């Protein structure tokens, strides 16, 4: 009997590729997908994708979906409380592993492993330390299709929002941007590929600018904000 695992699904390319690797390895029973949702807007946290498209992904992938609803701007304490309750409920169903699409952020992996360890679970990271240039090219060569739904203006301008990731997109990235956006430069929505039973149909909507306050230091002006550009995707 294979051990049970929850899969942390962001809707983007790293999640899709990690799930592909896990399914190919056939070592775990995936009980469901887990996705963080902004409760007020019913959109995936950071990716900005509407829950209707997320549900179509889950249906096409053939897995149950657990939506972890978060307040609009949760404090760390609120986030931990909601996450702990969600994961404890999952753990009570004999699920002992939690799978992530993280690639090289050591602090994030350490945090995840510490939180999981506190409830008797372990983290699995199938993409860990894979060269991100190699990773994105393999992802595309396998036939996955993904679109950029959010860009951080610190790294990329508005024109990158709404672009399909292909070889030209990779060539156009500035040298300081990771080709998988692992530092938060951009986020994506994967709509087709070898793990999907059918493509996810959508049309591209408007590009929206949103700002979020930065943590202030003595060297920053008080009016600085993080600026993100979101490309709205409309389910068909």
C-alpha atoms as a PDB file:
ATOM      1  CA  UNK A   1       0.000   0.000   0.000  1.00  0.00           C
ATOM      2  CA  UNK A   2       1.391   3.397  -1.021  1.00  0.00           C
ATOM      3  CA  UNK A   3       1.622   6.155   1.607  1.00  0.00           C
ATOM      4  CA  UNK A   4      -0.992   8.897   1.325  1.00  0.00           C
ATOM      5  CA  UNK A   5       0.031  12.430   0.347  1.00  0.00           C
ATOM      6  CA  UNK A   6      -1.606  15.829  -0.050  1.00  0.00           C
ATOM      7  CA  UNK A   7      -0.427  17.860  -3.052  1.00  0.00           C
ATOM      8  CA  UNK A   8       0.025  21.625  -2.599  1.00  0.00           C
ATOM      9  CA  UNK A   9      -1.405  22.973  -5.848  1.00  0.00           C
ATOM     10  CA  UNK A  10      -0.811  26.607  -6.838  1.00  0.00           C
ATOM     11  CA  UNK A  11      -2.285  26.205 -10.359  1.00  0.00           C
ATOM     12  CA  UNK A  12       1.054  27.143 -11.921  1.00  0.00           C
ATOM     13  CA  UNK A  13       3.869  25.471 -13.798  1.00  0.00           C
ATOM     14  CA  UNK A  14       5.995  24.319 -10.848  1.00  0.00           C
ATOM     15  CA  UNK A  15       3.008  22.587  -9.278  1.00  0.00           C
ATOM     16  CA  UNK A  16       2.133  20.964 -12.595  1.00  0.00           C
ATOM     17  CA  UNK A  17       5.672  19.722 -13.202  1.00  0.00           C
ATOM     18  CA  UNK A  18       6.034  18.480  -9.611  1.00  0.00           C
ATOM     19  CA  UNK A  19       2.751  16.577  -9.925  1.00  0.00           C
ATOM     20  CA  UNK A  20       3.944  15.085 -13.223  1.00  0.00           C
ATOM     21  CA  UNK A  21       7.124  13.834 -11.514  1.00  0.00           C
ATOM     22  CA  UNK A  22       5.179  12.392  -8.582  1.00  0.00           C
ATOM     23  CA  UNK A  23       2.665  10.578 -10.793  1.00  0.00           C
ATOM     24  CA  UNK A  24       5.465   9.199 -12.950  1.00  0.00           C
ATOM     25  CA  UNK A  25       7.268   7.905  -9.840  1.00  0.00           C
ATOM     26  CA  UNK A  26       4.060   6.199  -8.615  1.00  0.00           C
ATOM     27  CA  UNK A  27       5.272   6.116  -4.985  1.00  0.00           C
ATOM     28  CA  UNK A  28       2.386   8.006  -3.341  1.00  0.00           C
ATOM     29  CA  UNK A  29      -1.390   7.971  -3.279  1.00  0.00           C
ATOM     30  CA  UNK A  30      -2.454  11.573  -3.890  1.00  0.00           C
ATOM     31  CA  UNK A  31      -5.589  12.053  -1.801  1.00  0.00           C
ATOM     32  CA  UNK A  32      -6.360  15.611  -2.950  1.00  0.00           C
ATOM     33  CA  UNK A  33      -5.022  18.957  -4.088  1.00  0.00           C
ATOM     34  CA  UNK A  34      -4.695  21.757  -1.531  1.00  0.00           C
ATOM     35  CA  UNK A  35      -4.873  25.405  -2.647  1.00  0.00           C
ATOM     36  CA  UNK A  36      -4.864  28.664  -0.691  1.00  0.00           C
ATOM     37  CA  UNK A  37      -7.723  30.965  -1.683  1.00  0.00           C
ATOM     38  CA  UNK A  38      -8.402  34.628  -0.950  1.00  0.00           C
ATOM     39  CA  UNK A  39     -11.830  34.262   0.674  1.00  0.00           C
ATOM     40  CA  UNK A  40     -13.068  37.752  -0.286  1.00  0.00           C
ATOM     41  CA  UNK A  41     -12.163  37.589  -3.978  1.00  0.00           C
ATOM     42  CA  UNK A  42     -12.314  33.803  -4.475  1.00  0.00           C
ATOM     43  CA  UNK A  43      -8.964  33.833  -6.215  1.00  0.00           C
ATOM     44  CA  UNK A  44      -5.791  31.814  -5.730  1.00  0.00           C
ATOM     45  CA  UNK A  45      -3.376  33.582  -3.394  1.00  0.00           C
ATOM     46  CA  UNK A  46      -0.680  35.501  -5.367  1.00  0.00           C
ATOM     47  CA  UNK A  47      -1.570  33.895  -8.713  1.00  0.00           C
ATOM     48  CA  UNK A  48      -4.848  35.834  -8.929  1.00  0.00           C
ATOM     49  CA  UNK A  49      -6.631  33.031 -10.789  1.00  0.00           C
ATOM     50  CA  UNK A  50     -10.369  32.715 -10.145  1.00  0.00           C
ATOM     51  CA  UNK A  51     -11.532  29.621  -8.282  1.00  0.00           C
ATOM     52  CA  UNK A  52     -13.718  28.565 -11.240  1.00  0.00           C
ATOM     53  CA  UNK A  53     -10.565  27.863 -13.272  1.00  0.00           C
ATOM     54  CA  UNK A  54      -8.918  26.125 -10.335  1.00  0.00           C
ATOM     55  CA  UNK A  55     -11.921  23.798 -10.072  1.00  0.00           C
ATOM     56  CA  UNK A  56     -11.673  23.004 -13.792  1.00  0.00           C
ATOM     57  CA  UNK A  57      -8.000  22.141 -13.325  1.00  0.00           C
ATOM     58  CA  UNK A  58      -8.796  19.754 -10.467  1.00  0.00           C
ATOM     59  CA  UNK A  59     -11.546  18.117 -12.529  1.00  0.00           C
ATOM     60  CA  UNK A  60      -9.231  17.674 -15.505  1.00  0.00           C
ATOM     61  CA  UNK A  61      -6.467  16.284 -13.278  1.00  0.00           C
ATOM     62  CA  UNK A  62      -8.912  13.910 -11.602  1.00  0.00           C
ATOM     63  CA  UNK A  63      -8.274  14.821  -7.964  1.00  0.00           C
ATOM     64  CA  UNK A  64     -10.494  16.170  -5.174  1.00  0.00           C
ATOM     65  CA  UNK A  65      -9.780  19.795  -4.282  1.00  0.00           C
ATOM     66  CA  UNK A  66      -9.404  21.290  -0.807  1.00  0.00           C
ATOM     67  CA  UNK A  67      -9.711  25.085  -0.806  1.00  0.00           C
ATOM     68  CA  UNK A  68      -8.046  26.700   2.204  1.00  0.00           C
ATOM     69  CA  UNK A  69      -9.757  30.093   2.486  1.00  0.00           C
ATOM     70  CA  UNK A  70      -7.702  32.966   3.908  1.00  0.00           C
ATOM     71  CA  UNK A  71      -8.692  36.536   4.844  1.00  0.00           C
ATOM     72  CA  UNK A  72      -7.794  39.325   2.405  1.00  0.00           C
ATOM     73  CA  UNK A  73      -4.574  40.235   4.227  1.00  0.00           C
ATOM     74  CA  UNK A  74      -3.987  37.574   6.901  1.00  0.00           C
ATOM     75  CA  UNK A  75      -1.491  38.117   9.690  1.00  0.00           C
ATOM     76  CA  UNK A  76       1.116  35.397  10.182  1.00  0.00           C
ATOM     77  CA  UNK A  77      -0.789  34.315  13.278  1.00  0.00           C
ATOM     78  CA  UNK A  78      -4.051  33.986  11.317  1.00  0.00           C
ATOM     79  CA  UNK A  79      -2.286  32.143   8.515  1.00  0.00           C
ATOM     80  CA  UNK A  80      -0.655  29.660  10.908  1.00  0.00           C
ATOM     81  CA  UNK A  81      -3.950  29.045  12.707  1.00  0.00           C
ATOM     82  CA  UNK A  82      -5.851  28.298   9.486  1.00  0.00           C
ATOM     83  CA  UNK A  83      -2.999  26.229   8.057  1.00  0.00           C
ATOM     84  CA  UNK A  84      -2.570  24.202  11.252  1.00  0.00           C
ATOM     85  CA  UNK A  85      -6.279  23.382  11.410  1.00  0.00           C
ATOM     86  CA  UNK A  86      -6.372  22.431   7.721  1.00  0.00           C
ATOM     87  CA  UNK A  87      -3.281  20.245   7.912  1.00  0.00           C
ATOM     88  CA  UNK A  88      -4.361  18.614  11.181  1.00  0.00           C
ATOM     89  CA  UNK A  89      -7.667  17.643   9.542  1.00  0.00           C
ATOM     90  CA  UNK A  90      -5.735  16.198   6.592  1.00  0.00           C
ATOM     91  CA  UNK A  91      -3.320  14.349   8.899  1.00  0.00           C
ATOM     92  CA  UNK A  92      -6.264  12.760  10.726  1.00  0.00           C
ATOM     93  CA  UNK A  93      -7.110  10.925   7.480  1.00  0.00           C
ATOM     94  CA  UNK A  94      -3.807   8.991   7.598  1.00  0.00           C
ATOM     95  CA  UNK A  95      -2.093  11.383   5.190  1.00  0.00           C
ATOM     96  CA  UNK A  96       1.583  11.453   6.141  1.00  0.00           C
ATOM     97  CA  UNK A  97       3.230  13.395   3.288  1.00  0.00           C
ATOM     98  CA  UNK A  98       2.798  16.863   1.809  1.00  0.00           C
ATOM     99  CA  UNK A  99       4.190  17.563  -1.676  1.00  0.00           C
ATOM    100  CA  UNK A 100       5.467  20.949  -2.901  1.00  0.00           C
ATOM    101  CA  UNK A 101       6.795  22.436  -6.150  1.00  0.00           C
ATOM    102  CA  UNK A 102       9.585  24.443  -4.459  1.00  0.00           C
ATOM    103  CA  UNK A 103      12.924  24.432  -6.263  1.00  0.00           C
ATOM    104  CA  UNK A 104      15.676  26.164  -4.286  1.00  0.00           C
ATOM    105  CA  UNK A 105      14.400  28.473  -1.510  1.00  0.00           C
ATOM    106  CA  UNK A 106      16.069  26.947   1.555  1.00  0.00           C
ATOM    107  CA  UNK A 107      14.265  29.062   4.182  1.00  0.00           C
ATOM    108  CA  UNK A 108      10.862  28.216   2.730  1.00  0.00           C
ATOM    109  CA  UNK A 109      11.618  24.498   2.692  1.00  0.00           C
ATOM    110  CA  UNK A 110      12.884  24.630   6.273  1.00  0.00           C
ATOM    111  CA  UNK A 111       9.704  26.446   7.384  1.00  0.00           C
ATOM    112  CA  UNK A 112       7.468  23.912   5.648  1.00  0.00           C
ATOM    113  CA  UNK A 113       9.321  20.957   7.120  1.00  0.00           C
ATOM    114  CA  UNK A 114       9.194  22.391  10.635  1.00  0.00           C
ATOM    115  CA  UNK A 115       5.453  23.013  10.417  1.00  0.00           C
ATOM    116  CA  UNK A 116       4.784  19.548   9.010  1.00  0.00           C
ATOM    117  CA  UNK A 117       7.024  17.885  11.587  1.00  0.00           C
ATOM    118  CA  UNK A 118       4.954  19.385  14.379  1.00  0.00           C
ATOM    119  CA  UNK A 119       1.935  17.300  13.273  1.00  0.00           C
ATOM    120  CA  UNK A 120       3.833  14.174  12.269  1.00  0.00           C
ATOM    121  CA  UNK A 121       4.055  14.758   8.518  1.00  0.00           C
ATOM    122  CA  UNK A 122       6.965  14.982   6.071  1.00  0.00           C
ATOM    123  CA  UNK A 123       7.541  17.214   3.039  1.00  0.00           C
ATOM    124  CA  UNK A 124       8.358  15.942  -0.454  1.00  0.00           C
ATOM    125  CA  UNK A 125      10.045  18.257  -2.992  1.00  0.00           C
ATOM    126  CA  UNK A 126      10.310  16.522  -6.395  1.00  0.00           C
ATOM    127  CA  UNK A 127      11.837  19.559  -8.174  1.00  0.00           C
ATOM    128  CA  UNK A 128      14.385  20.356  -5.476  1.00  0.00           C
ATOM    129  CA  UNK A 129      17.715  21.715  -6.787  1.00  0.00           C
ATOM    130  CA  UNK A 130      16.914  21.027 -10.430  1.00  0.00           C
ATOM    131  CA  UNK A 131      18.550  23.713 -12.582  1.00  0.00           C
ATOM    132  CA  UNK A 132      15.694  26.095 -13.368  1.00  0.00           C
ATOM    133  CA  UNK A 133      16.773  26.680 -16.976  1.00  0.00           C
ATOM    134  CA  UNK A 134      16.798  22.932 -17.583  1.00  0.00           C
ATOM    135  CA  UNK A 135      13.506  22.608 -15.722  1.00  0.00           C
ATOM    136  CA  UNK A 136      11.555  25.148 -17.775  1.00  0.00           C
ATOM    137  CA  UNK A 137      12.841  23.717 -21.064  1.00  0.00           C
ATOM    138  CA  UNK A 138      11.919  20.160 -20.045  1.00  0.00           C
ATOM    139  CA  UNK A 139       8.512  21.413 -18.926  1.00  0.00           C
ATOM    140  CA  UNK A 140       7.854  22.930 -22.354  1.00  0.00           C
ATOM    141  CA  UNK A 141       9.307  19.943 -24.241  1.00  0.00           C
ATOM    142  CA  UNK A 142       6.832  17.658 -22.427  1.00  0.00           C
ATOM    143  CA  UNK A 143       3.968  19.669 -23.924  1.00  0.00           C
ATOM    144  CA  UNK A 144       2.854  21.700 -20.911  1.00  0.00           C
ATOM    145  CA  UNK A 145       1.237  25.055 -21.655  1.00  0.00           C
ATOM    146  CA  UNK A 146       1.175  27.868 -19.122  1.00  0.00           C
ATOM    147  CA  UNK A 147       0.357  31.578 -19.056  1.00  0.00           C
ATOM    148  CA  UNK A 148       1.761  34.350 -16.844  1.00  0.00           C
ATOM    149  CA  UNK A 149      -0.989  35.636 -14.543  1.00  0.00           C
ATOM    150  CA  UNK A 150       1.045  37.912 -12.262  1.00  0.00           C
ATOM    151  CA  UNK A 151       4.345  39.802 -12.467  1.00  0.00           C
ATOM    152  CA  UNK A 152       6.267  41.677  -9.804  1.00  0.00           C
ATOM    153  CA  UNK A 153       7.147  45.088 -11.275  1.00  0.00           C
ATOM    154  CA  UNK A 154      10.414  45.069  -9.321  1.00  0.00           C
ATOM    155  CA  UNK A 155      11.614  42.504 -11.880  1.00  0.00           C
ATOM    156  CA  UNK A 156       9.305  42.618 -14.920  1.00  0.00           C
ATOM    157  CA  UNK A 157       7.116  45.199 -16.608  1.00  0.00           C
ATOM    158  CA  UNK A 158       3.427  44.989 -17.448  1.00  0.00           C
ATOM    159  CA  UNK A 159       4.078  43.536 -20.916  1.00  0.00           C
ATOM    160  CA  UNK A 160       4.999  40.145 -19.445  1.00  0.00           C
ATOM    161  CA  UNK A 161       1.568  39.691 -17.823  1.00  0.00           C
ATOM    162  CA  UNK A 162      -0.662  37.538 -20.016  1.00  0.00           C
ATOM    163  CA  UNK A 163       2.164  36.026 -22.050  1.00  0.00           C
ATOM    164  CA  UNK A 164       2.324  32.315 -22.790  1.00  0.00           C
ATOM    165  CA  UNK A 165       5.627  30.877 -21.621  1.00  0.00           C
ATOM    166  CA  UNK A 166       7.617  29.639 -24.604  1.00  0.00           C
ATOM    167  CA  UNK A 167      11.216  29.794 -25.831  1.00  0.00           C
ATOM    168  CA  UNK A 168      10.822  33.471 -26.797  1.00  0.00           C
ATOM    169  CA  UNK A 169       9.504  34.339 -23.340  1.00  0.00           C
ATOM    170  CA  UNK A 170      12.553  32.735 -21.752  1.00  0.00           C
ATOM    171  CA  UNK A 171      14.885  34.660 -24.080  1.00  0.00           C
ATOM    172  CA  UNK A 172      13.142  37.941 -23.236  1.00  0.00           C
ATOM    173  CA  UNK A 173      13.631  37.591 -19.473  1.00  0.00           C
ATOM    174  CA  UNK A 174      16.153  40.015 -17.926  1.00  0.00           C
ATOM    175  CA  UNK A 175      19.315  38.405 -16.600  1.00  0.00           C
ATOM    176  CA  UNK A 176      18.297  38.951 -12.968  1.00  0.00           C
ATOM    177  CA  UNK A 177      15.042  37.007 -13.338  1.00  0.00           C
ATOM    178  CA  UNK A 178      14.951  33.286 -12.611  1.00  0.00           C
ATOM    179  CA  UNK A 179      13.522  31.405 -15.632  1.00  0.00           C
ATOM    180  CA  UNK A 180      11.019  29.696 -13.314  1.00  0.00           C
ATOM    181  CA  UNK A 181      10.241  32.849 -11.322  1.00  0.00           C
ATOM    182  CA  UNK A 182      11.325  31.032  -8.166  1.00  0.00           C
ATOM    183  CA  UNK A 183      12.095  34.317  -6.388  1.00  0.00           C
ATOM    184  CA  UNK A 184       8.533  35.539  -6.910  1.00  0.00           C
ATOM    185  CA  UNK A 185       9.216  37.421 -10.146  1.00  0.00           C
ATOM    186  CA  UNK A 186       6.108  35.980 -11.826  1.00  0.00           C
ATOM    187  CA  UNK A 187       3.327  33.427 -11.335  1.00  0.00           C
ATOM    188  CA  UNK A 188       1.473  31.269 -13.823  1.00  0.00           C
ATOM    189  CA  UNK A 189      -1.600  29.207 -14.666  1.00  0.00           C
ATOM    190  CA  UNK A 190      -1.039  25.869 -16.413  1.00  0.00           C
ATOM    191  CA  UNK A 191      -3.866  24.993 -18.779  1.00  0.00           C
ATOM    192  CA  UNK A 192      -2.677  21.938 -20.703  1.00  0.00           C
ATOM    193  CA  UNK A 193      -0.120  19.154 -20.592  1.00  0.00           C
ATOM    194  CA  UNK A 194       0.395  15.403 -20.176  1.00  0.00           C
ATOM    195  CA  UNK A 195      -1.267  15.221 -16.737  1.00  0.00           C
ATOM    196  CA  UNK A 196      -4.521  16.864 -17.896  1.00  0.00           C
ATOM    197  CA  UNK A 197      -7.436  14.877 -19.320  1.00  0.00           C
ATOM    198  CA  UNK A 198      -8.446  17.943 -21.327  1.00  0.00           C
ATOM    199  CA  UNK A 199      -7.210  21.545 -21.770  1.00  0.00           C
ATOM    200  CA  UNK A 200      -8.653  24.291 -19.566  1.00  0.00           C
ATOM    201  CA  UNK A 201     -10.511  26.796 -21.741  1.00  0.00           C
ATOM    202  CA  UNK A 202     -10.324  30.504 -20.936  1.00  0.00           C
ATOM    203  CA  UNK A 203      -9.943  33.890 -22.525  1.00  0.00           C
ATOM    204  CA  UNK A 204      -7.608  36.690 -21.488  1.00  0.00           C
ATOM    205  CA  UNK A 205      -9.254  39.590 -19.680  1.00  0.00           C
ATOM    206  CA  UNK A 206      -7.878  42.908 -18.485  1.00  0.00           C
ATOM    207  CA  UNK A 207      -4.457  43.599 -16.984  1.00  0.00           C
ATOM    208  CA  UNK A 208      -4.860  45.055 -13.493  1.00  0.00           C
ATOM    209  CA  UNK A 209      -2.307  46.908 -11.356  1.00  0.00           C
ATOM    210  CA  UNK A 210      -2.288  46.229  -7.616  1.00  0.00           C
ATOM    211  CA  UNK A 211      -0.057  47.601  -4.885  1.00  0.00           C
ATOM    212  CA  UNK A 212       0.862  46.155  -1.505  1.00  0.00           C
ATOM    213  CA  UNK A 213       2.703  47.955   1.310  1.00  0.00           C
ATOM    214  CA  UNK A 214       6.351  47.060   1.796  1.00  0.00           C
ATOM    215  CA  UNK A 215       7.802  46.393   5.228  1.00  0.00           C
ATOM    216  CA  UNK A 216       9.543  49.696   6.013  1.00  0.00           C
ATOM    217  CA  UNK A 217      13.160  50.187   6.990  1.00  0.00           C
ATOM    218  CA  UNK A 218      15.151  53.290   7.902  1.00  0.00           C
ATOM    219  CA  UNK A 219      16.430  53.486   4.316  1.00  0.00           C
ATOM    220  CA  UNK A 220      13.081  53.429   2.531  1.00  0.00           C
ATOM    221  CA  UNK A 221      10.569  56.171   2.004  1.00  0.00           C
ATOM    222  CA  UNK A 222       7.174  55.596   3.583  1.00  0.00           C
ATOM    223  CA  UNK A 223       5.292  55.711   0.290  1.00  0.00           C
ATOM    224  CA  UNK A 224       7.049  52.785  -1.392  1.00  0.00           C
ATOM    225  CA  UNK A 225       4.885  49.815  -2.293  1.00  0.00           C
ATOM    226  CA  UNK A 226       5.222  46.482  -4.032  1.00  0.00           C
ATOM    227  CA  UNK A 227       3.605  46.772  -7.474  1.00  0.00           C
ATOM    228  CA  UNK A 228       2.129  43.734  -9.230  1.00  0.00           C
ATOM    229  CA  UNK A 229       0.394  43.370 -12.589  1.00  0.00           C
ATOM    230  CA  UNK A 230      -2.323  40.707 -12.770  1.00  0.00           C
ATOM    231  CA  UNK A 231      -3.761  39.272 -15.974  1.00  0.00           C
ATOM    232  CA  UNK A 232      -7.351  38.215 -15.435  1.00  0.00           C
ATOM    233  CA  UNK A 233      -8.343  34.893 -16.984  1.00  0.00           C
ATOM    234  CA  UNK A 234     -12.007  34.335 -17.768  1.00  0.00           C
ATOM    235  CA  UNK A 235     -13.352  30.790 -17.654  1.00  0.00           C
ATOM    236  CA  UNK A 236     -15.201  29.615 -20.760  1.00  0.00           C
END
